[in-house]
Amino acid sequence: MNQYEVLYVITPELDDEANQSVQDKFAKIITDNGGEIEKTDVWGKRRLAYAIDYKTEGFYVLVNFNANPELPRELERNLRNDERIMRYMVTRKEA
């Protein structure tokens, strides 16, 4: 298994319950596909470096996880298709 981290930015208009449901959705995708979540770090609402779709803030979430090499592609596909996600980045961490 490889070590990965995913950082994604959720639209700021969502309430706390909707924000949590987005986080739960992607955590479930990781665990359902054989991954293990090591740590979830919620950074909260932060100012963006530049406006994205006229929005100047976003809700940041960083997740560290272990998974097989096929999982990041599936995770990226789901992140790309979710309209509540403004930006995302999945990276492999060196051991």
PDB file of N, CA and C in Angstrom:
ATOM      1  N   MET A   1       0.828  -1.180   0.000  1.00  0.00           N
ATOM      2  CA  MET A   1       0.000   0.000   0.000  1.00  0.00           C
ATOM      3  C   MET A   1       0.871   1.241   0.000  1.00  0.00           C
ATOM      4  N   ASN A   2       0.407   2.248  -0.693  1.00  0.00           N
ATOM      5  CA  ASN A   2       1.119   3.519  -0.770  1.00  0.00           C
ATOM      6  C   ASN A   2       0.456   4.545   0.140  1.00  0.00           C
ATOM      7  N   GLN A   3       1.227   5.554   0.516  1.00  0.00           N
ATOM      8  CA  GLN A   3       0.688   6.642   1.328  1.00  0.00           C
ATOM      9  C   GLN A   3       0.308   7.795   0.407  1.00  0.00           C
ATOM     10  N   TYR A   4      -0.887   8.350   0.625  1.00  0.00           N
ATOM     11  CA  TYR A   4      -1.383   9.457  -0.176  1.00  0.00           C
ATOM     12  C   TYR A   4      -1.950  10.526   0.732  1.00  0.00           C
ATOM     13  N   GLU A   5      -2.119  11.705   0.154  1.00  0.00           N
ATOM     14  CA  GLU A   5      -2.890  12.742   0.823  1.00  0.00           C
ATOM     15  C   GLU A   5      -3.741  13.434  -0.230  1.00  0.00           C
ATOM     16  N   VAL A   6      -4.937  13.810   0.183  1.00  0.00           N
ATOM     17  CA  VAL A   6      -5.834  14.544  -0.699  1.00  0.00           C
ATOM     18  C   VAL A   6      -6.234  15.828   0.025  1.00  0.00           C
ATOM     19  N   LEU A   7      -6.105  16.935  -0.687  1.00  0.00           N
ATOM     20  CA  LEU A   7      -6.551  18.228  -0.188  1.00  0.00           C
ATOM     21  C   LEU A   7      -7.657  18.682  -1.112  1.00  0.00           C
ATOM     22  N   TYR A   8      -8.825  18.969  -0.549  1.00  0.00           N
ATOM     23  CA  TYR A   8      -9.911  19.473  -1.388  1.00  0.00           C
ATOM     24  C   TYR A   8     -10.561  20.678  -0.743  1.00  0.00           C
ATOM     25  N   VAL A   9     -11.130  21.528  -1.601  1.00  0.00           N
ATOM     26  CA  VAL A   9     -11.755  22.770  -1.177  1.00  0.00           C
ATOM     27  C   VAL A   9     -13.242  22.686  -1.492  1.00  0.00           C
ATOM     28  N   ILE A  10     -14.063  22.820  -0.449  1.00  0.00           N
ATOM     29  CA  ILE A  10     -15.515  22.748  -0.583  1.00  0.00           C
ATOM     30  C   ILE A  10     -16.057  24.173  -0.708  1.00  0.00           C
ATOM     31  N   THR A  11     -17.135  24.345  -1.481  1.00  0.00           N
ATOM     32  CA  THR A  11     -17.738  25.664  -1.621  1.00  0.00           C
ATOM     33  C   THR A  11     -18.154  26.205  -0.253  1.00  0.00           C
ATOM     34  N   PRO A  12     -17.985  27.502  -0.028  1.00  0.00           N
ATOM     35  CA  PRO A  12     -18.228  28.071   1.305  1.00  0.00           C
ATOM     36  C   PRO A  12     -19.705  28.252   1.659  1.00  0.00           C
ATOM     37  N   GLU A  13     -20.615  28.114   0.710  1.00  0.00           N
ATOM     38  CA  GLU A  13     -22.035  28.362   0.983  1.00  0.00           C
ATOM     39  C   GLU A  13     -22.695  27.252   1.788  1.00  0.00           C
ATOM     40  N   LEU A  14     -22.086  26.092   1.864  1.00  0.00           N
ATOM     41  CA  LEU A  14     -22.706  24.953   2.544  1.00  0.00           C
ATOM     42  C   LEU A  14     -22.730  25.158   4.059  1.00  0.00           C
ATOM     43  N   ASP A  15     -23.789  24.655   4.698  1.00  0.00           N
ATOM     44  CA  ASP A  15     -23.847  24.712   6.157  1.00  0.00           C
ATOM     45  C   ASP A  15     -23.000  23.584   6.745  1.00  0.00           C
ATOM     46  N   ASP A  16     -22.900  23.540   8.061  1.00  0.00           N
ATOM     47  CA  ASP A  16     -22.031  22.561   8.726  1.00  0.00           C
ATOM     48  C   ASP A  16     -22.441  21.127   8.428  1.00  0.00           C
ATOM     49  N   GLU A  17     -23.739  20.874   8.391  1.00  0.00           N
ATOM     50  CA  GLU A  17     -24.219  19.509   8.134  1.00  0.00           C
ATOM     51  C   GLU A  17     -23.885  19.055   6.713  1.00  0.00           C
ATOM     52  N   ALA A  18     -24.054  19.935   5.747  1.00  0.00           N
ATOM     53  CA  ALA A  18     -23.730  19.599   4.358  1.00  0.00           C
ATOM     54  C   ALA A  18     -22.220  19.430   4.184  1.00  0.00           C
ATOM     55  N   ASN A  19     -21.443  20.265   4.871  1.00  0.00           N
ATOM     56  CA  ASN A  19     -19.990  20.138   4.838  1.00  0.00           C
ATOM     57  C   ASN A  19     -19.557  18.775   5.358  1.00  0.00           C
ATOM     58  N   GLN A  20     -20.139  18.357   6.471  1.00  0.00           N
ATOM     59  CA  GLN A  20     -19.801  17.062   7.056  1.00  0.00           C
ATOM     60  C   GLN A  20     -20.199  15.922   6.132  1.00  0.00           C
ATOM     61  N   SER A  21     -21.322  16.053   5.441  1.00  0.00           N
ATOM     62  CA  SER A  21     -21.752  14.989   4.528  1.00  0.00           C
ATOM     63  C   SER A  21     -20.794  14.845   3.351  1.00  0.00           C
ATOM     64  N   VAL A  22     -20.222  15.962   2.880  1.00  0.00           N
ATOM     65  CA  VAL A  22     -19.224  15.899   1.805  1.00  0.00           C
ATOM     66  C   VAL A  22     -17.983  15.169   2.307  1.00  0.00           C
ATOM     67  N   GLN A  23     -17.525  15.509   3.513  1.00  0.00           N
ATOM     68  CA  GLN A  23     -16.349  14.853   4.082  1.00  0.00           C
ATOM     69  C   GLN A  23     -16.591  13.360   4.286  1.00  0.00           C
ATOM     70  N   ASP A  24     -17.789  13.014   4.764  1.00  0.00           N
ATOM     71  CA  ASP A  24     -18.133  11.607   4.980  1.00  0.00           C
ATOM     72  C   ASP A  24     -18.188  10.837   3.665  1.00  0.00           C
ATOM     73  N   LYS A  25     -18.691  11.490   2.626  1.00  0.00           N
ATOM     74  CA  LYS A  25     -18.801  10.838   1.313  1.00  0.00           C
ATOM     75  C   LYS A  25     -17.420  10.407   0.812  1.00  0.00           C
ATOM     76  N   PHE A  26     -16.441  11.309   0.883  1.00  0.00           N
ATOM     77  CA  PHE A  26     -15.115  10.975   0.367  1.00  0.00           C
ATOM     78  C   PHE A  26     -14.350  10.042   1.298  1.00  0.00           C
ATOM     79  N   ALA A  27     -14.601  10.113   2.589  1.00  0.00           N
ATOM     80  CA  ALA A  27     -14.000   9.149   3.518  1.00  0.00           C
ATOM     81  C   ALA A  27     -14.548   7.752   3.232  1.00  0.00           C
ATOM     82  N   LYS A  28     -15.840   7.660   2.920  1.00  0.00           N
ATOM     83  CA  LYS A  28     -16.461   6.374   2.602  1.00  0.00           C
ATOM     84  C   LYS A  28     -15.912   5.801   1.299  1.00  0.00           C
ATOM     85  N   ILE A  29     -15.652   6.653   0.312  1.00  0.00           N
ATOM     86  CA  ILE A  29     -15.074   6.190  -0.948  1.00  0.00           C
ATOM     87  C   ILE A  29     -13.699   5.573  -0.687  1.00  0.00           C
ATOM     88  N   ILE A  30     -12.918   6.221   0.166  1.00  0.00           N
ATOM     89  CA  ILE A  30     -11.576   5.704   0.478  1.00  0.00           C
ATOM     90  C   ILE A  30     -11.674   4.350   1.173  1.00  0.00           C
ATOM     91  N   THR A  31     -12.509   4.243   2.202  1.00  0.00           N
ATOM     92  CA  THR A  31     -12.582   3.000   2.967  1.00  0.00           C
ATOM     93  C   THR A  31     -13.271   1.882   2.186  1.00  0.00           C
ATOM     94  N   ASP A  32     -14.264   2.210   1.377  1.00  0.00           N
ATOM     95  CA  ASP A  32     -14.958   1.181   0.592  1.00  0.00           C
ATOM     96  C   ASP A  32     -14.073   0.566  -0.488  1.00  0.00           C
ATOM     97  N   ASN A  33     -13.061   1.294  -0.931  1.00  0.00           N
ATOM     98  CA  ASN A  33     -12.162   0.790  -1.957  1.00  0.00           C
ATOM     99  C   ASN A  33     -10.863   0.237  -1.373  1.00  0.00           C
ATOM    100  N   GLY A  34     -10.871  -0.113  -0.105  1.00  0.00           N
ATOM    101  CA  GLY A  34      -9.726  -0.783   0.503  1.00  0.00           C
ATOM    102  C   GLY A  34      -8.689   0.126   1.102  1.00  0.00           C
ATOM    103  N   GLY A  35      -8.956   1.408   1.227  1.00  0.00           N
ATOM    104  CA  GLY A  35      -7.993   2.332   1.811  1.00  0.00           C
ATOM    105  C   GLY A  35      -8.192   2.469   3.310  1.00  0.00           C
ATOM    106  N   GLU A  36      -7.169   2.978   3.983  1.00  0.00           N
ATOM    107  CA  GLU A  36      -7.215   3.219   5.417  1.00  0.00           C
ATOM    108  C   GLU A  36      -6.921   4.689   5.660  1.00  0.00           C
ATOM    109  N   ILE A  37      -7.824   5.393   6.315  1.00  0.00           N
ATOM    110  CA  ILE A  37      -7.605   6.802   6.619  1.00  0.00           C
ATOM    111  C   ILE A  37      -6.754   6.904   7.880  1.00  0.00           C
ATOM    112  N   GLU A  38      -5.619   7.590   7.763  1.00  0.00           N
ATOM    113  CA  GLU A  38      -4.734   7.803   8.906  1.00  0.00           C
ATOM    114  C   GLU A  38      -5.171   9.016   9.712  1.00  0.00           C
ATOM    115  N   LYS A  39      -5.450  10.116   9.006  1.00  0.00           N
ATOM    116  CA  LYS A  39      -5.752  11.364   9.699  1.00  0.00           C
ATOM    117  C   LYS A  39      -6.569  12.266   8.780  1.00  0.00           C
ATOM    118  N   THR A  40      -7.561  12.929   9.353  1.00  0.00           N
ATOM    119  CA  THR A  40      -8.322  13.943   8.636  1.00  0.00           C
ATOM    120  C   THR A  40      -8.120  15.266   9.354  1.00  0.00           C
ATOM    121  N   ASP A  41      -7.612  16.240   8.628  1.00  0.00           N
ATOM    122  CA  ASP A  41      -7.316  17.545   9.199  1.00  0.00           C
ATOM    123  C   ASP A  41      -8.220  18.580   8.537  1.00  0.00           C
ATOM    124  N   VAL A  42      -9.179  19.109   9.291  1.00  0.00           N
ATOM    125  CA  VAL A  42     -10.119  20.100   8.761  1.00  0.00           C
ATOM    126  C   VAL A  42      -9.547  21.479   9.043  1.00  0.00           C
ATOM    127  N   TRP A  43      -9.160  22.187   7.981  1.00  0.00           N
ATOM    128  CA  TRP A  43      -8.577  23.521   8.138  1.00  0.00           C
ATOM    129  C   TRP A  43      -9.649  24.584   8.286  1.00  0.00           C
ATOM    130  N   GLY A  44     -10.841  24.298   7.792  1.00  0.00           N
ATOM    131  CA  GLY A  44     -11.932  25.254   7.914  1.00  0.00           C
ATOM    132  C   GLY A  44     -11.969  26.247   6.761  1.00  0.00           C
ATOM    133  N   LYS A  45     -12.725  27.299   6.967  1.00  0.00           N
ATOM    134  CA  LYS A  45     -12.915  28.303   5.923  1.00  0.00           C
ATOM    135  C   LYS A  45     -11.705  29.228   5.864  1.00  0.00           C
ATOM    136  N   ARG A  46     -11.144  29.354   4.668  1.00  0.00           N
ATOM    137  CA  ARG A  46      -9.961  30.190   4.460  1.00  0.00           C
ATOM    138  C   ARG A  46     -10.129  31.013   3.191  1.00  0.00           C
ATOM    139  N   ARG A  47      -9.400  32.066   3.127  1.00  0.00           N
ATOM    140  CA  ARG A  47      -9.412  32.933   1.955  1.00  0.00           C
ATOM    141  C   ARG A  47      -8.586  32.279   0.845  1.00  0.00           C
ATOM    142  N   LEU A  48      -9.115  32.313  -0.372  1.00  0.00           N
ATOM    143  CA  LEU A  48      -8.409  31.756  -1.517  1.00  0.00           C
ATOM    144  C   LEU A  48      -7.374  32.749  -2.039  1.00  0.00           C
ATOM    145  N   ALA A  49      -6.343  32.249  -2.688  1.00  0.00           N
ATOM    146  CA  ALA A  49      -5.314  33.112  -3.266  1.00  0.00           C
ATOM    147  C   ALA A  49      -5.868  33.899  -4.451  1.00  0.00           C
ATOM    148  N   TYR A  50      -6.831  33.316  -5.139  1.00  0.00           N
ATOM    149  CA  TYR A  50      -7.493  33.982  -6.268  1.00  0.00           C
ATOM    150  C   TYR A  50      -8.937  33.486  -6.315  1.00  0.00           C
ATOM    151  N   ALA A  51      -9.795  34.280  -6.907  1.00  0.00           N
ATOM    152  CA  ALA A  51     -11.220  33.937  -6.968  1.00  0.00           C
ATOM    153  C   ALA A  51     -11.455  32.749  -7.897  1.00  0.00           C
ATOM    154  N   ILE A  52     -12.307  31.837  -7.475  1.00  0.00           N
ATOM    155  CA  ILE A  52     -12.726  30.694  -8.279  1.00  0.00           C
ATOM    156  C   ILE A  52     -14.237  30.801  -8.420  1.00  0.00           C
ATOM    157  N   ASP A  53     -14.716  30.961  -9.636  1.00  0.00           N
ATOM    158  CA  ASP A  53     -16.151  31.150  -9.886  1.00  0.00           C
ATOM    159  C   ASP A  53     -16.708  32.280  -9.016  1.00  0.00           C
ATOM    160  N   TYR A  54     -15.975  33.374  -8.927  1.00  0.00           N
ATOM    161  CA  TYR A  54     -16.352  34.572  -8.177  1.00  0.00           C
ATOM    162  C   TYR A  54     -16.438  34.340  -6.670  1.00  0.00           C
ATOM    163  N   LYS A  55     -15.861  33.273  -6.183  1.00  0.00           N
ATOM    164  CA  LYS A  55     -15.832  32.986  -4.742  1.00  0.00           C
ATOM    165  C   LYS A  55     -14.426  33.263  -4.234  1.00  0.00           C
ATOM    166  N   THR A  56     -14.339  33.937  -3.091  1.00  0.00           N
ATOM    167  CA  THR A  56     -13.029  34.291  -2.545  1.00  0.00           C
ATOM    168  C   THR A  56     -12.661  33.476  -1.313  1.00  0.00           C
ATOM    169  N   GLU A  57     -13.558  32.586  -0.853  1.00  0.00           N
ATOM    170  CA  GLU A  57     -13.284  31.728   0.294  1.00  0.00           C
ATOM    171  C   GLU A  57     -13.617  30.293  -0.053  1.00  0.00           C
ATOM    172  N   GLY A  58     -13.039  29.368   0.703  1.00  0.00           N
ATOM    173  CA  GLY A  58     -13.328  27.952   0.533  1.00  0.00           C
ATOM    174  C   GLY A  58     -13.096  27.223   1.841  1.00  0.00           C
ATOM    175  N   PHE A  59     -13.688  26.052   1.972  1.00  0.00           N
ATOM    176  CA  PHE A  59     -13.552  25.227   3.170  1.00  0.00           C
ATOM    177  C   PHE A  59     -12.555  24.109   2.857  1.00  0.00           C
ATOM    178  N   TYR A  60     -11.395  24.126   3.522  1.00  0.00           N
ATOM    179  CA  TYR A  60     -10.297  23.213   3.216  1.00  0.00           C
ATOM    180  C   TYR A  60     -10.341  21.965   4.094  1.00  0.00           C
ATOM    181  N   VAL A  61     -10.069  20.798   3.466  1.00  0.00           N
ATOM    182  CA  VAL A  61      -9.980  19.524   4.189  1.00  0.00           C
ATOM    183  C   VAL A  61      -8.770  18.755   3.644  1.00  0.00           C
ATOM    184  N   LEU A  62      -7.930  18.267   4.545  1.00  0.00           N
ATOM    185  CA  LEU A  62      -6.756  17.469   4.183  1.00  0.00           C
ATOM    186  C   LEU A  62      -6.922  16.082   4.789  1.00  0.00           C
ATOM    187  N   VAL A  63      -6.795  15.036   3.953  1.00  0.00           N
ATOM    188  CA  VAL A  63      -6.945  13.658   4.418  1.00  0.00           C
ATOM    189  C   VAL A  63      -5.682  12.878   4.044  1.00  0.00           C
ATOM    190  N   ASN A  64      -5.053  12.248   5.036  1.00  0.00           N
ATOM    191  CA  ASN A  64      -3.921  11.348   4.811  1.00  0.00           C
ATOM    192  C   ASN A  64      -4.447   9.921   4.861  1.00  0.00           C
ATOM    193  N   PHE A  65      -4.082   9.110   3.854  1.00  0.00           N
ATOM    194  CA  PHE A  65      -4.588   7.750   3.813  1.00  0.00           C
ATOM    195  C   PHE A  65      -3.604   6.817   3.122  1.00  0.00           C
ATOM    196  N   ASN A  66      -3.766   5.517   3.396  1.00  0.00           N
ATOM    197  CA  ASN A  66      -3.014   4.449   2.737  1.00  0.00           C
ATOM    198  C   ASN A  66      -3.960   3.738   1.792  1.00  0.00           C
ATOM    199  N   ALA A  67      -3.467   3.404   0.589  1.00  0.00           N
ATOM    200  CA  ALA A  67      -4.347   2.760  -0.386  1.00  0.00           C
ATOM    201  C   ALA A  67      -3.538   2.089  -1.478  1.00  0.00           C
ATOM    202  N   ASN A  68      -4.225   1.251  -2.252  1.00  0.00           N
ATOM    203  CA  ASN A  68      -3.646   0.648  -3.437  1.00  0.00           C
ATOM    204  C   ASN A  68      -3.526   1.706  -4.536  1.00  0.00           C
ATOM    205  N   PRO A  69      -2.666   1.487  -5.523  1.00  0.00           N
ATOM    206  CA  PRO A  69      -2.450   2.501  -6.566  1.00  0.00           C
ATOM    207  C   PRO A  69      -3.681   2.832  -7.415  1.00  0.00           C
ATOM    208  N   GLU A  70      -4.714   2.005  -7.407  1.00  0.00           N
ATOM    209  CA  GLU A  70      -5.894   2.263  -8.232  1.00  0.00           C
ATOM    210  C   GLU A  70      -6.847   3.266  -7.578  1.00  0.00           C
ATOM    211  N   LEU A  71      -6.803   3.402  -6.263  1.00  0.00           N
ATOM    212  CA  LEU A  71      -7.762   4.237  -5.539  1.00  0.00           C
ATOM    213  C   LEU A  71      -7.691   5.725  -5.879  1.00  0.00           C
ATOM    214  N   PRO A  72      -6.510   6.340  -6.018  1.00  0.00           N
ATOM    215  CA  PRO A  72      -6.494   7.774  -6.318  1.00  0.00           C
ATOM    216  C   PRO A  72      -7.242   8.144  -7.598  1.00  0.00           C
ATOM    217  N   ARG A  73      -7.198   7.309  -8.594  1.00  0.00           N
ATOM    218  CA  ARG A  73      -7.914   7.597  -9.842  1.00  0.00           C
ATOM    219  C   ARG A  73      -9.429   7.616  -9.593  1.00  0.00           C
ATOM    220  N   GLU A  74      -9.926   6.664  -8.827  1.00  0.00           N
ATOM    221  CA  GLU A  74     -11.352   6.614  -8.496  1.00  0.00           C
ATOM    222  C   GLU A  74     -11.748   7.807  -7.629  1.00  0.00           C
ATOM    223  N   LEU A  75     -10.905   8.172  -6.682  1.00  0.00           N
ATOM    224  CA  LEU A  75     -11.175   9.309  -5.816  1.00  0.00           C
ATOM    225  C   LEU A  75     -11.218  10.602  -6.633  1.00  0.00           C
ATOM    226  N   GLU A  76     -10.267  10.782  -7.536  1.00  0.00           N
ATOM    227  CA  GLU A  76     -10.249  11.974  -8.386  1.00  0.00           C
ATOM    228  C   GLU A  76     -11.483  12.044  -9.273  1.00  0.00           C
ATOM    229  N   ARG A  77     -11.936  10.911  -9.773  1.00  0.00           N
ATOM    230  CA  ARG A  77     -13.141  10.888 -10.614  1.00  0.00           C
ATOM    231  C   ARG A  77     -14.344  11.389  -9.823  1.00  0.00           C
ATOM    232  N   ASN A  78     -14.469  10.941  -8.584  1.00  0.00           N
ATOM    233  CA  ASN A  78     -15.585  11.375  -7.749  1.00  0.00           C
ATOM    234  C   ASN A  78     -15.460  12.845  -7.341  1.00  0.00           C
ATOM    235  N   LEU A  79     -14.253  13.295  -7.058  1.00  0.00           N
ATOM    236  CA  LEU A  79     -14.050  14.700  -6.719  1.00  0.00           C
ATOM    237  C   LEU A  79     -14.388  15.602  -7.905  1.00  0.00           C
ATOM    238  N   ARG A  80     -13.987  15.184  -9.091  1.00  0.00           N
ATOM    239  CA  ARG A  80     -14.236  15.959 -10.305  1.00  0.00           C
ATOM    240  C   ARG A  80     -15.735  16.091 -10.587  1.00  0.00           C
ATOM    241  N   ASN A  81     -16.506  15.041 -10.289  1.00  0.00           N
ATOM    242  CA  ASN A  81     -17.929  15.032 -10.613  1.00  0.00           C
ATOM    243  C   ASN A  81     -18.810  15.672  -9.550  1.00  0.00           C
ATOM    244  N   ASP A  82     -18.259  16.041  -8.418  1.00  0.00           N
ATOM    245  CA  ASP A  82     -19.055  16.646  -7.350  1.00  0.00           C
ATOM    246  C   ASP A  82     -19.017  18.168  -7.495  1.00  0.00           C
ATOM    247  N   GLU A  83     -20.172  18.792  -7.692  1.00  0.00           N
ATOM    248  CA  GLU A  83     -20.224  20.233  -7.916  1.00  0.00           C
ATOM    249  C   GLU A  83     -19.922  21.038  -6.654  1.00  0.00           C
ATOM    250  N   ARG A  84     -19.893  20.397  -5.491  1.00  0.00           N
ATOM    251  CA  ARG A  84     -19.585  21.096  -4.243  1.00  0.00           C
ATOM    252  C   ARG A  84     -18.090  21.262  -4.025  1.00  0.00           C
ATOM    253  N   ILE A  85     -17.269  20.575  -4.827  1.00  0.00           N
ATOM    254  CA  ILE A  85     -15.809  20.653  -4.714  1.00  0.00           C
ATOM    255  C   ILE A  85     -15.289  21.689  -5.707  1.00  0.00           C
ATOM    256  N   MET A  86     -14.573  22.693  -5.187  1.00  0.00           N
ATOM    257  CA  MET A  86     -14.035  23.748  -6.046  1.00  0.00           C
ATOM    258  C   MET A  86     -12.699  23.333  -6.662  1.00  0.00           C
ATOM    259  N   ARG A  87     -11.813  22.798  -5.848  1.00  0.00           N
ATOM    260  CA  ARG A  87     -10.497  22.330  -6.297  1.00  0.00           C
ATOM    261  C   ARG A  87     -10.097  21.129  -5.454  1.00  0.00           C
ATOM    262  N   TYR A  88      -9.189  20.314  -5.993  1.00  0.00           N
ATOM    263  CA  TYR A  88      -8.688  19.154  -5.259  1.00  0.00           C
ATOM    264  C   TYR A  88      -7.303  18.799  -5.773  1.00  0.00           C
ATOM    265  N   MET A  89      -6.550  18.064  -4.954  1.00  0.00           N
ATOM    266  CA  MET A  89      -5.255  17.565  -5.371  1.00  0.00           C
ATOM    267  C   MET A  89      -4.925  16.319  -4.562  1.00  0.00           C
ATOM    268  N   VAL A  90      -4.665  15.230  -5.265  1.00  0.00           N
ATOM    269  CA  VAL A  90      -4.261  13.968  -4.636  1.00  0.00           C
ATOM    270  C   VAL A  90      -2.779  13.777  -4.950  1.00  0.00           C
ATOM    271  N   THR A  91      -1.973  13.570  -3.904  1.00  0.00           N
ATOM    272  CA  THR A  91      -0.535  13.366  -4.097  1.00  0.00           C
ATOM    273  C   THR A  91      -0.082  12.133  -3.347  1.00  0.00           C
ATOM    274  N   ARG A  92       0.918  11.470  -3.896  1.00  0.00           N
ATOM    275  CA  ARG A  92       1.530  10.315  -3.236  1.00  0.00           C
ATOM    276  C   ARG A  92       2.671  10.822  -2.379  1.00  0.00           C
ATOM    277  N   LYS A  93       2.705  10.384  -1.120  1.00  0.00           N
ATOM    278  CA  LYS A  93       3.761  10.773  -0.208  1.00  0.00           C
ATOM    279  C   LYS A  93       4.874   9.739  -0.281  1.00  0.00           C
ATOM    280  N   GLU A  94       6.094  10.193  -0.220  1.00  0.00           N
ATOM    281  CA  GLU A  94       7.235   9.286  -0.214  1.00  0.00           C
ATOM    282  C   GLU A  94       7.406   8.695   1.174  1.00  0.00           C
ATOM    283  N   ALA A  95       7.718   7.430   1.225  1.00  0.00           N
ATOM    284  CA  ALA A  95       7.843   6.734   2.520  1.00  0.00           C
ATOM    285  C   ALA A  95       9.109   7.113   3.242  1.00  0.00           C
TER     286      ALA A  95
END
